[in-house]
Amino acid sequence: MNNCKCNELPEIKGADVESYLHEHLIEKRVNNEDWTILYECKFTGTQWMLSYPYSYAHGGGPPLLSKLS
């Protein structure tokens, strides 16, 4: 089932990130320097960036998946 939110949401936060990654996105590139991962939606081709923007929190805090324009 395609529950793609690529055209609806500019970002996905916290616990929803993990399931969306596994159901909709394909890993394209890992940047080990800034701890980000580029993904692409297998349904729409939309690109997303996974980051951990809260560097002060344990493990970088909750994940943030941001849609790239």
PDB file of N, CA and C in Angstrom:
ATOM      1  N   MET A   1       0.842  -1.181   0.000  1.00  0.00           N
ATOM      2  CA  MET A   1       0.000   0.000   0.000  1.00  0.00           C
ATOM      3  C   MET A   1       0.894   1.254   0.000  1.00  0.00           C
ATOM      4  N   ASN A   2       0.553   2.207  -0.816  1.00  0.00           N
ATOM      5  CA  ASN A   2       1.345   3.421  -0.957  1.00  0.00           C
ATOM      6  C   ASN A   2       0.748   4.530  -0.108  1.00  0.00           C
ATOM      7  N   ASN A   3       1.363   4.793   1.047  1.00  0.00           N
ATOM      8  CA  ASN A   3       0.955   5.900   1.923  1.00  0.00           C
ATOM      9  C   ASN A   3       1.948   7.037   1.784  1.00  0.00           C
ATOM     10  N   CYS A   4       2.353   7.323   0.559  1.00  0.00           N
ATOM     11  CA  CYS A   4       3.376   8.319   0.293  1.00  0.00           C
ATOM     12  C   CYS A   4       2.886   9.709   0.695  1.00  0.00           C
ATOM     13  N   LYS A   5       3.726  10.397   1.484  1.00  0.00           N
ATOM     14  CA  LYS A   5       3.397  11.745   1.953  1.00  0.00           C
ATOM     15  C   LYS A   5       4.322  12.790   1.328  1.00  0.00           C
ATOM     16  N   CYS A   6       5.039  12.395   0.283  1.00  0.00           N
ATOM     17  CA  CYS A   6       6.041  13.282  -0.315  1.00  0.00           C
ATOM     18  C   CYS A   6       5.453  14.579  -0.857  1.00  0.00           C
ATOM     19  N   ASN A   7       4.235  14.547  -1.319  1.00  0.00           N
ATOM     20  CA  ASN A   7       3.625  15.761  -1.856  1.00  0.00           C
ATOM     21  C   ASN A   7       2.890  16.561  -0.791  1.00  0.00           C
ATOM     22  N   GLU A   8       2.754  15.991   0.418  1.00  0.00           N
ATOM     23  CA  GLU A   8       1.974  16.634   1.476  1.00  0.00           C
ATOM     24  C   GLU A   8       2.819  17.290   2.565  1.00  0.00           C
ATOM     25  N   LEU A   9       3.937  16.675   2.925  1.00  0.00           N
ATOM     26  CA  LEU A   9       4.703  17.116   4.097  1.00  0.00           C
ATOM     27  C   LEU A   9       6.075  17.670   3.732  1.00  0.00           C
ATOM     28  N   PRO A  10       6.491  18.759   4.391  1.00  0.00           N
ATOM     29  CA  PRO A  10       7.844  19.270   4.177  1.00  0.00           C
ATOM     30  C   PRO A  10       8.889  18.547   5.036  1.00  0.00           C
ATOM     31  N   GLU A  11       8.431  17.914   6.133  1.00  0.00           N
ATOM     32  CA  GLU A  11       9.341  17.177   7.008  1.00  0.00           C
ATOM     33  C   GLU A  11       8.577  16.160   7.828  1.00  0.00           C
ATOM     34  N   ILE A  12       9.329  15.180   8.329  1.00  0.00           N
ATOM     35  CA  ILE A  12       8.782  14.138   9.194  1.00  0.00           C
ATOM     36  C   ILE A  12       9.726  14.046  10.383  1.00  0.00           C
ATOM     37  N   LYS A  13       9.157  13.989  11.586  1.00  0.00           N
ATOM     38  CA  LYS A  13       9.969  14.020  12.805  1.00  0.00           C
ATOM     39  C   LYS A  13       9.768  12.775  13.653  1.00  0.00           C
ATOM     40  N   GLY A  14      10.781  12.511  14.479  1.00  0.00           N
ATOM     41  CA  GLY A  14      10.688  11.522  15.542  1.00  0.00           C
ATOM     42  C   GLY A  14      10.395  10.106  15.106  1.00  0.00           C
ATOM     43  N   ALA A  15       9.476   9.464  15.802  1.00  0.00           N
ATOM     44  CA  ALA A  15       9.177   8.041  15.612  1.00  0.00           C
ATOM     45  C   ALA A  15       8.624   7.724  14.223  1.00  0.00           C
ATOM     46  N   ASP A  16       7.998   8.668  13.555  1.00  0.00           N
ATOM     47  CA  ASP A  16       7.433   8.425  12.225  1.00  0.00           C
ATOM     48  C   ASP A  16       8.510   8.280  11.155  1.00  0.00           C
ATOM     49  N   VAL A  17       9.713   8.768  11.426  1.00  0.00           N
ATOM     50  CA  VAL A  17      10.788   8.734  10.439  1.00  0.00           C
ATOM     51  C   VAL A  17      11.155   7.303  10.079  1.00  0.00           C
ATOM     52  N   GLU A  18      11.365   6.464  11.063  1.00  0.00           N
ATOM     53  CA  GLU A  18      11.846   5.101  10.835  1.00  0.00           C
ATOM     54  C   GLU A  18      10.924   4.304   9.909  1.00  0.00           C
ATOM     55  N   SER A  19       9.632   4.315  10.157  1.00  0.00           N
ATOM     56  CA  SER A  19       8.719   3.552   9.308  1.00  0.00           C
ATOM     57  C   SER A  19       8.655   4.131   7.904  1.00  0.00           C
ATOM     58  N   TYR A  20       8.702   5.458   7.782  1.00  0.00           N
ATOM     59  CA  TYR A  20       8.654   6.070   6.459  1.00  0.00           C
ATOM     60  C   TYR A  20       9.905   5.720   5.644  1.00  0.00           C
ATOM     61  N   LEU A  21      11.047   5.700   6.313  1.00  0.00           N
ATOM     62  CA  LEU A  21      12.286   5.324   5.632  1.00  0.00           C
ATOM     63  C   LEU A  21      12.176   3.939   5.021  1.00  0.00           C
ATOM     64  N   HIS A  22      11.716   2.984   5.798  1.00  0.00           N
ATOM     65  CA  HIS A  22      11.681   1.598   5.356  1.00  0.00           C
ATOM     66  C   HIS A  22      10.594   1.323   4.322  1.00  0.00           C
ATOM     67  N   GLU A  23       9.509   2.055   4.368  1.00  0.00           N
ATOM     68  CA  GLU A  23       8.392   1.799   3.459  1.00  0.00           C
ATOM     69  C   GLU A  23       8.490   2.549   2.137  1.00  0.00           C
ATOM     70  N   HIS A  24       9.144   3.704   2.119  1.00  0.00           N
ATOM     71  CA  HIS A  24       9.057   4.577   0.949  1.00  0.00           C
ATOM     72  C   HIS A  24      10.374   5.026   0.343  1.00  0.00           C
ATOM     73  N   LEU A  25      11.453   4.990   1.099  1.00  0.00           N
ATOM     74  CA  LEU A  25      12.666   5.658   0.639  1.00  0.00           C
ATOM     75  C   LEU A  25      13.814   4.696   0.378  1.00  0.00           C
ATOM     76  N   ILE A  26      14.672   5.106  -0.561  1.00  0.00           N
ATOM     77  CA  ILE A  26      15.858   4.352  -0.928  1.00  0.00           C
ATOM     78  C   ILE A  26      17.075   5.196  -0.565  1.00  0.00           C
ATOM     79  N   GLU A  27      18.012   4.602   0.154  1.00  0.00           N
ATOM     80  CA  GLU A  27      19.224   5.321   0.538  1.00  0.00           C
ATOM     81  C   GLU A  27      20.076   5.586  -0.696  1.00  0.00           C
ATOM     82  N   LYS A  28      20.504   6.843  -0.848  1.00  0.00           N
ATOM     83  CA  LYS A  28      21.305   7.235  -2.011  1.00  0.00           C
ATOM     84  C   LYS A  28      22.752   7.574  -1.649  1.00  0.00           C
ATOM     85  N   ARG A  29      22.950   8.294  -0.525  1.00  0.00           N
ATOM     86  CA  ARG A  29      24.303   8.740  -0.184  1.00  0.00           C
ATOM     87  C   ARG A  29      24.394   9.015   1.316  1.00  0.00           C
ATOM     88  N   VAL A  30      25.493   8.592   1.913  1.00  0.00           N
ATOM     89  CA  VAL A  30      25.764   8.832   3.330  1.00  0.00           C
ATOM     90  C   VAL A  30      26.902   9.842   3.445  1.00  0.00           C
ATOM     91  N   ASN A  31      26.703  10.851   4.280  1.00  0.00           N
ATOM     92  CA  ASN A  31      27.758  11.829   4.564  1.00  0.00           C
ATOM     93  C   ASN A  31      28.186  11.610   6.011  1.00  0.00           C
ATOM     94  N   ASN A  32      29.321  10.964   6.191  1.00  0.00           N
ATOM     95  CA  ASN A  32      29.810  10.650   7.542  1.00  0.00           C
ATOM     96  C   ASN A  32      30.338  11.866   8.286  1.00  0.00           C
ATOM     97  N   GLU A  33      30.643  12.932   7.575  1.00  0.00           N
ATOM     98  CA  GLU A  33      31.164  14.128   8.228  1.00  0.00           C
ATOM     99  C   GLU A  33      30.099  14.899   8.997  1.00  0.00           C
ATOM    100  N   ASP A  34      28.910  15.016   8.419  1.00  0.00           N
ATOM    101  CA  ASP A  34      27.857  15.764   9.123  1.00  0.00           C
ATOM    102  C   ASP A  34      26.687  14.868   9.563  1.00  0.00           C
ATOM    103  N   TRP A  35      26.871  13.565   9.465  1.00  0.00           N
ATOM    104  CA  TRP A  35      25.899  12.577   9.932  1.00  0.00           C
ATOM    105  C   TRP A  35      24.545  12.742   9.258  1.00  0.00           C
ATOM    106  N   THR A  36      24.532  12.918   7.963  1.00  0.00           N
ATOM    107  CA  THR A  36      23.286  13.000   7.208  1.00  0.00           C
ATOM    108  C   THR A  36      23.250  11.886   6.174  1.00  0.00           C
ATOM    109  N   ILE A  37      22.032  11.542   5.766  1.00  0.00           N
ATOM    110  CA  ILE A  37      21.842  10.536   4.725  1.00  0.00           C
ATOM    111  C   ILE A  37      20.822  11.075   3.740  1.00  0.00           C
ATOM    112  N   LEU A  38      21.150  10.980   2.448  1.00  0.00           N
ATOM    113  CA  LEU A  38      20.247  11.390   1.385  1.00  0.00           C
ATOM    114  C   LEU A  38      19.419  10.185   0.963  1.00  0.00           C
ATOM    115  N   TYR A  39      18.116  10.374   0.876  1.00  0.00           N
ATOM    116  CA  TYR A  39      17.186   9.333   0.440  1.00  0.00           C
ATOM    117  C   TYR A  39      16.367   9.837  -0.729  1.00  0.00           C
ATOM    118  N   GLU A  40      15.780   8.880  -1.461  1.00  0.00           N
ATOM    119  CA  GLU A  40      14.887   9.214  -2.568  1.00  0.00           C
ATOM    120  C   GLU A  40      13.632   8.350  -2.464  1.00  0.00           C
ATOM    121  N   CYS A  41      12.477   8.969  -2.689  1.00  0.00           N
ATOM    122  CA  CYS A  41      11.211   8.239  -2.641  1.00  0.00           C
ATOM    123  C   CYS A  41      11.105   7.329  -3.864  1.00  0.00           C
ATOM    124  N   LYS A  42      10.781   6.071  -3.634  1.00  0.00           N
ATOM    125  CA  LYS A  42      10.670   5.131  -4.739  1.00  0.00           C
ATOM    126  C   LYS A  42       9.390   5.322  -5.547  1.00  0.00           C
ATOM    127  N   PHE A  43       8.463   6.134  -5.047  1.00  0.00           N
ATOM    128  CA  PHE A  43       7.214   6.387  -5.765  1.00  0.00           C
ATOM    129  C   PHE A  43       7.236   7.699  -6.552  1.00  0.00           C
ATOM    130  N   THR A  44       7.860   8.752  -5.990  1.00  0.00           N
ATOM    131  CA  THR A  44       7.803  10.073  -6.617  1.00  0.00           C
ATOM    132  C   THR A  44       9.153  10.619  -7.052  1.00  0.00           C
ATOM    133  N   GLY A  45      10.254  10.032  -6.566  1.00  0.00           N
ATOM    134  CA  GLY A  45      11.581  10.548  -6.869  1.00  0.00           C
ATOM    135  C   GLY A  45      11.978  11.730  -6.002  1.00  0.00           C
ATOM    136  N   THR A  46      11.115  12.123  -5.073  1.00  0.00           N
ATOM    137  CA  THR A  46      11.404  13.225  -4.159  1.00  0.00           C
ATOM    138  C   THR A  46      12.611  12.877  -3.300  1.00  0.00           C
ATOM    139  N   GLN A  47      13.501  13.840  -3.105  1.00  0.00           N
ATOM    140  CA  GLN A  47      14.678  13.605  -2.279  1.00  0.00           C
ATOM    141  C   GLN A  47      14.455  14.144  -0.871  1.00  0.00           C
ATOM    142  N   TRP A  48      14.966  13.381   0.097  1.00  0.00           N
ATOM    143  CA  TRP A  48      14.844  13.694   1.516  1.00  0.00           C
ATOM    144  C   TRP A  48      16.210  13.604   2.165  1.00  0.00           C
ATOM    145  N   MET A  49      16.430  14.415   3.204  1.00  0.00           N
ATOM    146  CA  MET A  49      17.672  14.383   3.963  1.00  0.00           C
ATOM    147  C   MET A  49      17.359  13.985   5.403  1.00  0.00           C
ATOM    148  N   LEU A  50      17.996  12.916   5.872  1.00  0.00           N
ATOM    149  CA  LEU A  50      17.863  12.491   7.260  1.00  0.00           C
ATOM    150  C   LEU A  50      18.981  13.132   8.056  1.00  0.00           C
ATOM    151  N   SER A  51      18.615  13.777   9.152  1.00  0.00           N
ATOM    152  CA  SER A  51      19.615  14.404  10.015  1.00  0.00           C
ATOM    153  C   SER A  51      19.205  14.242  11.477  1.00  0.00           C
ATOM    154  N   TYR A  52      20.140  14.575  12.332  1.00  0.00           N
ATOM    155  CA  TYR A  52      19.928  14.559  13.785  1.00  0.00           C
ATOM    156  C   TYR A  52      20.333  15.942  14.285  1.00  0.00           C
ATOM    157  N   PRO A  53      19.436  16.915  14.188  1.00  0.00           N
ATOM    158  CA  PRO A  53      19.792  18.323  14.403  1.00  0.00           C
ATOM    159  C   PRO A  53      20.020  18.745  15.861  1.00  0.00           C
ATOM    160  N   TYR A  54      19.752  17.883  16.801  1.00  0.00           N
ATOM    161  CA  TYR A  54      19.891  18.268  18.206  1.00  0.00           C
ATOM    162  C   TYR A  54      21.172  17.675  18.766  1.00  0.00           C
ATOM    163  N   SER A  55      22.297  18.215  18.344  1.00  0.00           N
ATOM    164  CA  SER A  55      23.606  17.658  18.679  1.00  0.00           C
ATOM    165  C   SER A  55      23.878  17.617  20.175  1.00  0.00           C
ATOM    166  N   TYR A  56      23.208  18.452  20.942  1.00  0.00           N
ATOM    167  CA  TYR A  56      23.400  18.474  22.391  1.00  0.00           C
ATOM    168  C   TYR A  56      22.716  17.296  23.086  1.00  0.00           C
ATOM    169  N   ALA A  57      21.785  16.630  22.419  1.00  0.00           N
ATOM    170  CA  ALA A  57      21.043  15.504  23.008  1.00  0.00           C
ATOM    171  C   ALA A  57      21.787  14.193  22.742  1.00  0.00           C
ATOM    172  N   HIS A  58      21.531  13.201  23.566  1.00  0.00           N
ATOM    173  CA  HIS A  58      22.141  11.883  23.421  1.00  0.00           C
ATOM    174  C   HIS A  58      21.840  11.321  22.032  1.00  0.00           C
ATOM    175  N   GLY A  59      22.869  10.920  21.295  1.00  0.00           N
ATOM    176  CA  GLY A  59      22.684  10.344  19.960  1.00  0.00           C
ATOM    177  C   GLY A  59      22.187  11.335  18.925  1.00  0.00           C
ATOM    178  N   GLY A  60      22.271  12.604  19.208  1.00  0.00           N
ATOM    179  CA  GLY A  60      21.801  13.619  18.266  1.00  0.00           C
ATOM    180  C   GLY A  60      20.324  13.923  18.386  1.00  0.00           C
ATOM    181  N   GLY A  61      19.664  13.285  19.350  1.00  0.00           N
ATOM    182  CA  GLY A  61      18.236  13.512  19.551  1.00  0.00           C
ATOM    183  C   GLY A  61      17.396  12.781  18.522  1.00  0.00           C
ATOM    184  N   PRO A  62      16.109  13.112  18.440  1.00  0.00           N
ATOM    185  CA  PRO A  62      15.227  12.429  17.505  1.00  0.00           C
ATOM    186  C   PRO A  62      15.583  12.779  16.052  1.00  0.00           C
ATOM    187  N   PRO A  63      15.368  11.824  15.142  1.00  0.00           N
ATOM    188  CA  PRO A  63      15.696  12.074  13.749  1.00  0.00           C
ATOM    189  C   PRO A  63      14.733  13.075  13.105  1.00  0.00           C
ATOM    190  N   LEU A  64      15.249  13.747  12.078  1.00  0.00           N
ATOM    191  CA  LEU A  64      14.445  14.686  11.295  1.00  0.00           C
ATOM    192  C   LEU A  64      14.655  14.353   9.823  1.00  0.00           C
ATOM    193  N   LEU A  65      13.566  14.138   9.107  1.00  0.00           N
ATOM    194  CA  LEU A  65      13.604  13.862   7.684  1.00  0.00           C
ATOM    195  C   LEU A  65      13.026  15.077   6.977  1.00  0.00           C
ATOM    196  N   SER A  66      13.855  15.778   6.206  1.00  0.00           N
ATOM    197  CA  SER A  66      13.450  17.016   5.554  1.00  0.00           C
ATOM    198  C   SER A  66      13.427  16.849   4.049  1.00  0.00           C
ATOM    199  N   LYS A  67      12.339  17.307   3.433  1.00  0.00           N
ATOM    200  CA  LYS A  67      12.220  17.238   1.986  1.00  0.00           C
ATOM    201  C   LYS A  67      13.110  18.298   1.356  1.00  0.00           C
ATOM    202  N   LEU A  68      13.864  17.904   0.325  1.00  0.00           N
ATOM    203  CA  LEU A  68      14.719  18.827  -0.399  1.00  0.00           C
ATOM    204  C   LEU A  68      13.962  19.387  -1.596  1.00  0.00           C
ATOM    205  N   SER A  69      14.198  20.645  -1.903  1.00  0.00           N
ATOM    206  CA  SER A  69      13.502  21.247  -3.045  1.00  0.00           C
ATOM    207  C   SER A  69      14.259  21.020  -4.336  1.00  0.00           C
TER     208      SER A  69
END
